Every structure is written in C-alpha cells, then in structure tokens.
C-alpha cells in the first residue's frame, strides 16, 4: 500500500507540473519566484501544523490502545490468580471463562477487529465469570476478600475491553481527510508555479514533496485504526497469557491449576 500510494502521489504531482509547464513558459514563473516562495512558506507551515497535529493525535490513540490491551490482559491474568481464594467450583468456572476469553481473543476477536467487528461472546464470558463470583455468599473473610478483588478485576477487564472496541471505530473523519487533501493539493500545486531552469531538478523537488506528504498520509491511515492495516496491534499479550496459564497448570501448585 505504501509504495502504491507514494507512486500515485508522485505521478499526479509530476503530471500536473508537466501540464502546467507546457501551458506556460518557465520564464513567466521565474519572475514571481520570490512572491510564490513567501506564499508557499505560509501555506506549507499551516499545512504542516495541521498534518503534524493529526499525526500526533492518531499516534497517541495508537499508543493508548496498546496500553489498554496490556491493561485488559493484566486484568484477565489477575482474575485468574486472585480467584485462588474462591471455592473450588467457582474458581474453576472463573478460570475456564478467562481461558476461553483469551482463546477467543486470539482465534476470533482479533481477526474480526481487522474489519471493525468483534465477538459478542467475549462479553458473555465476562458476565458469566461475574455471575459466578457475585452469586455466592462468602462464609469467611478469605472468601469475601477474594470475591471483592475478583469482581474488581472483572470490572477492569470489562472496561478495558469496551475502550479497546471503541478505539477500533474512532478513526480520522472524512472532513479531516478532506482538509488534509486540500492542503496537500495547495502545497504541491504551489511547487508547479516556480520557475526552475532545469525541469528535471524541478520535477525531482516536486516529487520529494509528494513523497513526504504521501508518506504522512499512509502513516495516518495505518495508525487511525489500531487493529487494522499493516501496523495492526497483534494479540501477542493474549498468547503470552495462554502460555502463562499452561505453565501454571503444570507448575505443580494445586491452587494454580484449572
């Protein structure tokens, strides 16, 4: 995608410049280089500010989503561990739900998120674990503390999941893309209006501007939806959680097994 976008941008920029130069002589532009240079510096600065702002916003959203995935995985792992204080039947039910949830993330939900969808079964597994923990009356302080802590971790898991799914729908709006495209056209269009004796050098300079703009556009496009495209966040944290569960299940510690 990157090379295709850059190639199209360079082709459009160069074709536009050639068309303009065939229509008007270079000397007609050269006499206005000083004025055009001042105007393009103002337009280029404004465009750079907007482009940089959008890039920072989508980058921060991308990094924030990575952190939320870590929070979600940690909440599932904490639920697995703090369930040790629950009665055996409830503990097993909660841990099976967490194991199924992690497997669902890897096998179903992550592939679905690449197209903006999700698996409703994830919510059902969290609710089932919450129902199992919240529906029994703890006989003592040990069970009571385990119940409160597990419910807190399940709430954290639910919140992190909701934020993750929301971040996969909050991309750059059509209006914002429109503003960026108009700004790019203006900046590249100004490159056509300079009078440079060597046309090849002029084409090279215009191509360089087009490459930079296209590269930034591709970066924004890839980052705006954290779970789609070439820079999509992988379910590495969930595979790590599954490895940890397998290790706990074979560690020889009875209370850490399913």
Protein backbone atom coordinates (compact mmCIF):
# COMPACT_ATOMS: atom_id res chain seq x y z
CA UNK A 1 0.00 0.00 0.00
CA UNK A 2 2.78 2.42 0.92
CA UNK A 3 4.63 2.18 -2.38
CA UNK A 4 1.38 2.32 -4.36
CA UNK A 5 0.29 5.50 -2.55
CA UNK A 6 3.70 7.14 -2.99
CA UNK A 7 3.82 6.14 -6.65
CA UNK A 8 0.38 7.59 -7.35
CA UNK A 9 1.21 10.82 -5.49
CA UNK A 10 4.47 11.28 -7.40
CA UNK A 11 2.77 10.50 -10.72
CA UNK A 12 -0.02 13.01 -10.10
CA UNK A 13 2.42 15.69 -8.94
CA UNK A 14 4.72 15.22 -11.93
CA UNK A 15 1.93 15.04 -14.49
CA UNK A 16 0.40 18.21 -13.07
CA UNK A 17 3.72 20.02 -13.21
CA UNK A 18 4.40 18.93 -16.80
CA UNK A 19 0.92 20.05 -17.85
CA UNK A 20 1.37 23.47 -16.24
CA UNK A 21 4.83 23.96 -17.74
CA UNK A 22 3.60 23.07 -21.20
CA UNK A 23 0.85 25.62 -20.86
CA UNK A 24 3.10 28.43 -19.60
CA UNK A 25 6.77 29.20 -20.14
CA UNK A 26 9.25 28.80 -17.28
CA UNK A 27 10.26 32.43 -17.55
CA UNK A 28 6.76 33.52 -16.61
CA UNK A 29 7.08 31.68 -13.30
CA UNK A 30 10.68 32.66 -12.59
CA UNK A 31 9.82 36.34 -12.30
CA UNK A 32 7.39 35.53 -9.48
CA UNK A 33 9.60 33.10 -7.55
CA UNK A 34 10.12 35.48 -4.63
CA UNK A 35 6.41 36.15 -4.11
CA UNK A 36 5.48 32.49 -4.67
CA UNK A 37 8.16 31.44 -2.20
CA UNK A 38 6.69 33.65 0.52
CA UNK A 39 3.15 32.43 -0.08
CA UNK A 40 4.10 28.74 -0.20
CA UNK A 41 6.04 29.12 3.05
CA UNK A 42 2.87 30.37 4.77
CA UNK A 43 0.66 27.70 3.19
CA UNK A 44 3.25 24.99 3.84
CA UNK A 45 3.59 25.98 7.50
CA UNK A 46 -0.16 25.91 8.07
CA UNK A 47 -0.44 22.54 6.32
CA UNK A 48 2.49 21.15 8.32
CA UNK A 49 0.85 22.22 11.58
CA UNK A 50 -2.43 20.51 10.70
CA UNK A 51 -0.69 17.41 9.37
CA UNK A 52 1.53 17.18 12.42
CA UNK A 53 -1.41 17.65 14.78
CA UNK A 54 -3.42 14.85 13.15
CA UNK A 55 -0.38 12.58 13.15
CA UNK A 56 0.25 13.15 16.86
CA UNK A 57 -3.42 12.53 17.70
CA UNK A 58 -3.60 9.20 15.86
CA UNK A 59 -0.20 8.16 17.24
CA UNK A 60 -1.30 8.89 20.81
CA UNK A 61 -4.51 6.96 20.18
CA UNK A 62 -2.49 4.03 18.84
CA UNK A 63 -0.14 4.01 21.84
CA UNK A 64 -3.04 4.40 24.25
CA UNK A 65 -4.77 1.40 22.67
CA UNK A 66 -1.61 -0.66 23.10
CA UNK A 67 -1.63 0.23 26.78
CA UNK A 68 -5.32 -0.66 27.09
CA UNK A 69 -4.64 -4.09 25.61
CA UNK A 70 -1.97 -4.58 28.26
CA UNK A 71 -4.41 -3.47 30.97
CA UNK A 72 -7.05 -5.86 29.65
CA UNK A 73 -4.63 -8.79 29.55
CA UNK A 74 -3.33 -7.97 33.03
CA UNK A 75 -6.90 -7.83 34.37
CA UNK A 76 -7.60 -11.29 32.97
CA UNK A 77 -4.38 -12.61 34.48
CA UNK A 78 -5.11 -11.01 37.84
CA UNK A 79 -8.60 -12.54 37.80
CA UNK A 80 -7.04 -15.94 37.22
CA UNK A 81 -4.70 -15.51 40.21
CA UNK A 82 -6.97 -13.85 42.78
CA UNK A 83 -9.63 -16.50 42.17
CA UNK A 84 -7.44 -18.76 44.29
CA UNK A 85 -9.40 -17.61 47.34
CA UNK A 86 -12.77 -18.68 45.91
CA UNK A 87 -14.45 -22.06 46.46
CA UNK A 88 -13.06 -24.74 44.05
CA UNK A 89 -16.18 -24.96 41.86
CA UNK A 90 -16.42 -21.18 41.38
CA UNK A 91 -12.67 -20.85 40.96
CA UNK A 92 -12.70 -23.42 38.17
CA UNK A 93 -15.61 -21.72 36.45
CA UNK A 94 -13.93 -18.31 36.58
CA UNK A 95 -10.62 -19.66 35.32
CA UNK A 96 -12.29 -21.53 32.47
CA UNK A 97 -14.00 -18.31 31.47
CA UNK A 98 -10.69 -16.43 31.48
CA UNK A 99 -9.01 -19.18 29.48
CA UNK A 100 -11.86 -19.22 26.95
CA UNK A 101 -11.76 -15.42 26.79
CA UNK A 102 -8.05 -15.39 25.96
CA UNK A 103 -8.50 -18.10 23.33
CA UNK A 104 -11.41 -16.15 21.85
CA UNK A 105 -9.27 -13.02 21.57
CA UNK A 106 -6.59 -14.85 19.60
CA UNK A 107 -8.77 -17.04 17.38
CA UNK A 108 -11.89 -14.90 16.77
CA UNK A 109 -11.95 -11.33 18.01
CA UNK A 110 -8.59 -10.11 16.71
CA UNK A 111 -9.33 -11.31 13.14
CA UNK A 112 -12.81 -9.75 13.37
CA UNK A 113 -11.38 -6.41 14.52
CA UNK A 114 -9.46 -6.11 11.26
CA UNK A 115 -12.83 -5.42 9.63
CA UNK A 116 -14.20 -3.30 12.50
CA UNK A 117 -16.23 -6.09 14.14
CA UNK A 118 -15.96 -8.02 17.41
CA UNK A 119 -17.16 -11.23 19.05
CA UNK A 120 -20.17 -10.80 21.39
CA UNK A 121 -19.13 -13.99 23.17
CA UNK A 122 -16.37 -12.02 24.91
CA UNK A 123 -18.96 -10.06 26.90
CA UNK A 124 -20.83 -13.26 27.75
CA UNK A 125 -17.69 -14.86 29.20
CA UNK A 126 -17.01 -11.83 31.38
CA UNK A 127 -20.64 -11.77 32.54
CA UNK A 128 -20.56 -15.50 33.28
CA UNK A 129 -17.49 -15.10 35.47
CA UNK A 130 -19.05 -12.08 37.17
CA UNK A 131 -22.24 -14.03 37.83
CA UNK A 132 -20.28 -16.95 39.27
CA UNK A 133 -18.33 -14.73 41.66
CA UNK A 134 -21.15 -12.40 42.64
CA UNK A 135 -23.85 -15.01 43.23
CA UNK A 136 -22.36 -16.81 46.22
CA UNK A 137 -22.31 -15.77 49.87
CA UNK A 138 -18.76 -15.89 51.22
CA UNK A 139 -18.60 -17.82 54.54
CA UNK A 140 -15.49 -16.05 55.76
CA UNK A 141 -13.07 -13.15 55.35
CA UNK A 142 -10.85 -15.10 52.95
CA UNK A 143 -13.64 -15.80 50.50
CA UNK A 144 -15.06 -12.29 50.95
CA UNK A 145 -11.74 -10.63 50.07
CA UNK A 146 -11.30 -12.92 47.08
CA UNK A 147 -14.83 -12.13 45.91
CA UNK A 148 -14.36 -8.35 46.11
CA UNK A 149 -10.95 -8.43 44.44
CA UNK A 150 -12.09 -10.75 41.66
CA UNK A 151 -15.15 -8.62 40.92
CA UNK A 152 -12.92 -5.55 40.77
CA UNK A 153 -10.59 -7.23 38.29
CA UNK A 154 -13.53 -8.40 36.17
CA UNK A 155 -14.86 -4.84 36.10
CA UNK A 156 -11.41 -3.63 34.97
CA UNK A 157 -11.44 -6.30 32.27
CA UNK A 158 -14.86 -5.21 31.04
CA UNK A 159 -13.89 -1.53 30.98
CA UNK A 160 -10.64 -2.21 29.12
CA UNK A 161 -12.49 -4.32 26.57
CA UNK A 162 -15.08 -1.58 25.98
CA UNK A 163 -12.37 1.04 25.43
CA UNK A 164 -10.45 -1.25 23.09
CA UNK A 165 -13.51 -1.85 20.93
CA UNK A 166 -14.33 1.86 20.92
CA UNK A 167 -10.81 2.76 19.77
CA UNK A 168 -11.23 0.46 16.77
CA UNK A 169 -14.09 2.65 15.49
CA UNK A 170 -12.70 6.13 16.14
CA UNK A 171 -10.69 6.94 13.01
CA UNK A 172 -9.93 10.19 11.23
CA UNK A 173 -13.19 11.72 9.98
CA UNK A 174 -13.98 12.36 6.33
CA UNK A 175 -13.89 16.11 6.99
CA UNK A 176 -10.38 15.88 8.46
CA UNK A 177 -9.20 13.84 5.48
CA UNK A 178 -10.73 16.47 3.21
CA UNK A 179 -8.81 19.25 4.93
CA UNK A 180 -5.56 17.29 4.62
CA UNK A 181 -6.14 16.52 0.93
CA UNK A 182 -6.92 20.18 0.13
CA UNK A 183 -3.80 21.28 1.99
CA UNK A 184 -1.65 18.74 0.14
CA UNK A 185 -3.05 19.86 -3.22
CA UNK A 186 -2.32 23.51 -2.43
CA UNK A 187 1.25 22.84 -1.32
CA UNK A 188 2.06 20.60 -4.29
CA UNK A 189 0.24 22.99 -6.62
CA UNK A 190 2.50 25.82 -5.49
CA UNK A 191 5.50 23.68 -6.42
CA UNK A 192 4.30 23.86 -10.02
CA UNK A 193 4.39 27.65 -10.02
CA UNK A 194 8.13 28.09 -9.52
CA UNK A 195 10.42 28.82 -12.41
CA UNK A 196 13.40 26.46 -12.35
CA UNK A 197 15.72 26.39 -15.40
CA UNK A 198 16.34 22.65 -15.10
CA UNK A 199 13.00 20.88 -15.47
CA UNK A 200 14.33 17.56 -14.21
CA UNK A 201 15.52 19.15 -11.00
CA UNK A 202 12.15 20.84 -10.66
CA UNK A 203 10.36 17.50 -11.09
CA UNK A 204 12.68 15.95 -8.52
CA UNK A 205 11.86 18.66 -5.97
CA UNK A 206 8.13 18.33 -6.58
CA UNK A 207 8.41 14.53 -6.28
CA UNK A 208 10.20 14.88 -2.94
CA UNK A 209 7.34 16.99 -1.56
CA UNK A 210 4.79 14.49 -2.88
CA UNK A 211 6.70 11.58 -1.29
CA UNK A 212 6.76 13.28 2.11
CA UNK A 213 3.05 14.15 2.00
CA UNK A 214 2.04 10.69 0.77
CA UNK A 215 4.19 9.02 3.44
CA UNK A 216 2.50 11.02 6.20
CA UNK A 217 -0.92 10.22 4.77
CA UNK A 218 -0.15 6.49 4.75
CA UNK A 219 1.14 6.70 8.33
CA UNK A 220 -2.06 8.41 9.49
CA UNK A 221 -4.18 5.90 7.58
CA UNK A 222 -2.40 2.94 9.15
CA UNK A 223 -2.49 4.35 12.69
CA UNK A 224 -6.07 5.63 12.77
CA UNK A 225 -7.49 2.12 13.36
CA UNK A 226 -5.08 0.35 15.74
CA UNK A 227 -6.28 -3.17 14.88
CA UNK A 228 -6.35 -2.87 11.10
CA UNK A 229 -3.79 -2.48 8.35
CA UNK A 230 -0.08 -3.19 8.32
CA UNK A 231 0.57 -1.68 11.77
CA UNK A 232 -2.27 -3.55 13.48
CA UNK A 233 -1.69 -4.43 17.13
CA UNK A 234 -1.10 -8.18 17.35
CA UNK A 235 -2.64 -10.41 20.07
CA UNK A 236 0.83 -11.08 21.46
CA UNK A 237 -0.23 -10.24 25.02
CA UNK A 238 -3.01 -12.84 24.86
CA UNK A 239 -0.74 -15.57 23.55
CA UNK A 240 1.56 -14.72 26.45
CA UNK A 241 -1.37 -15.07 28.84
CA UNK A 242 -2.19 -18.52 27.40
CA UNK A 243 1.43 -19.59 27.81
CA UNK A 244 1.31 -18.41 31.42
CA UNK A 245 -1.87 -20.38 32.08
CA UNK A 246 -0.32 -23.51 30.62
CA UNK A 247 2.71 -23.00 32.84
CA UNK A 248 0.54 -22.54 35.93
CA UNK A 249 -1.45 -25.64 35.05
CA UNK A 250 1.71 -27.76 35.01
CA UNK A 251 3.68 -26.00 37.75
CA UNK A 252 2.81 -28.48 40.47
CA UNK A 253 0.91 -25.88 42.54
CA UNK A 254 -2.59 -27.32 43.11
CA UNK A 255 -4.26 -23.94 43.70
CA UNK A 256 -2.91 -22.56 40.42
CA UNK A 257 -4.42 -25.30 38.28
CA UNK A 258 -7.72 -25.19 36.48
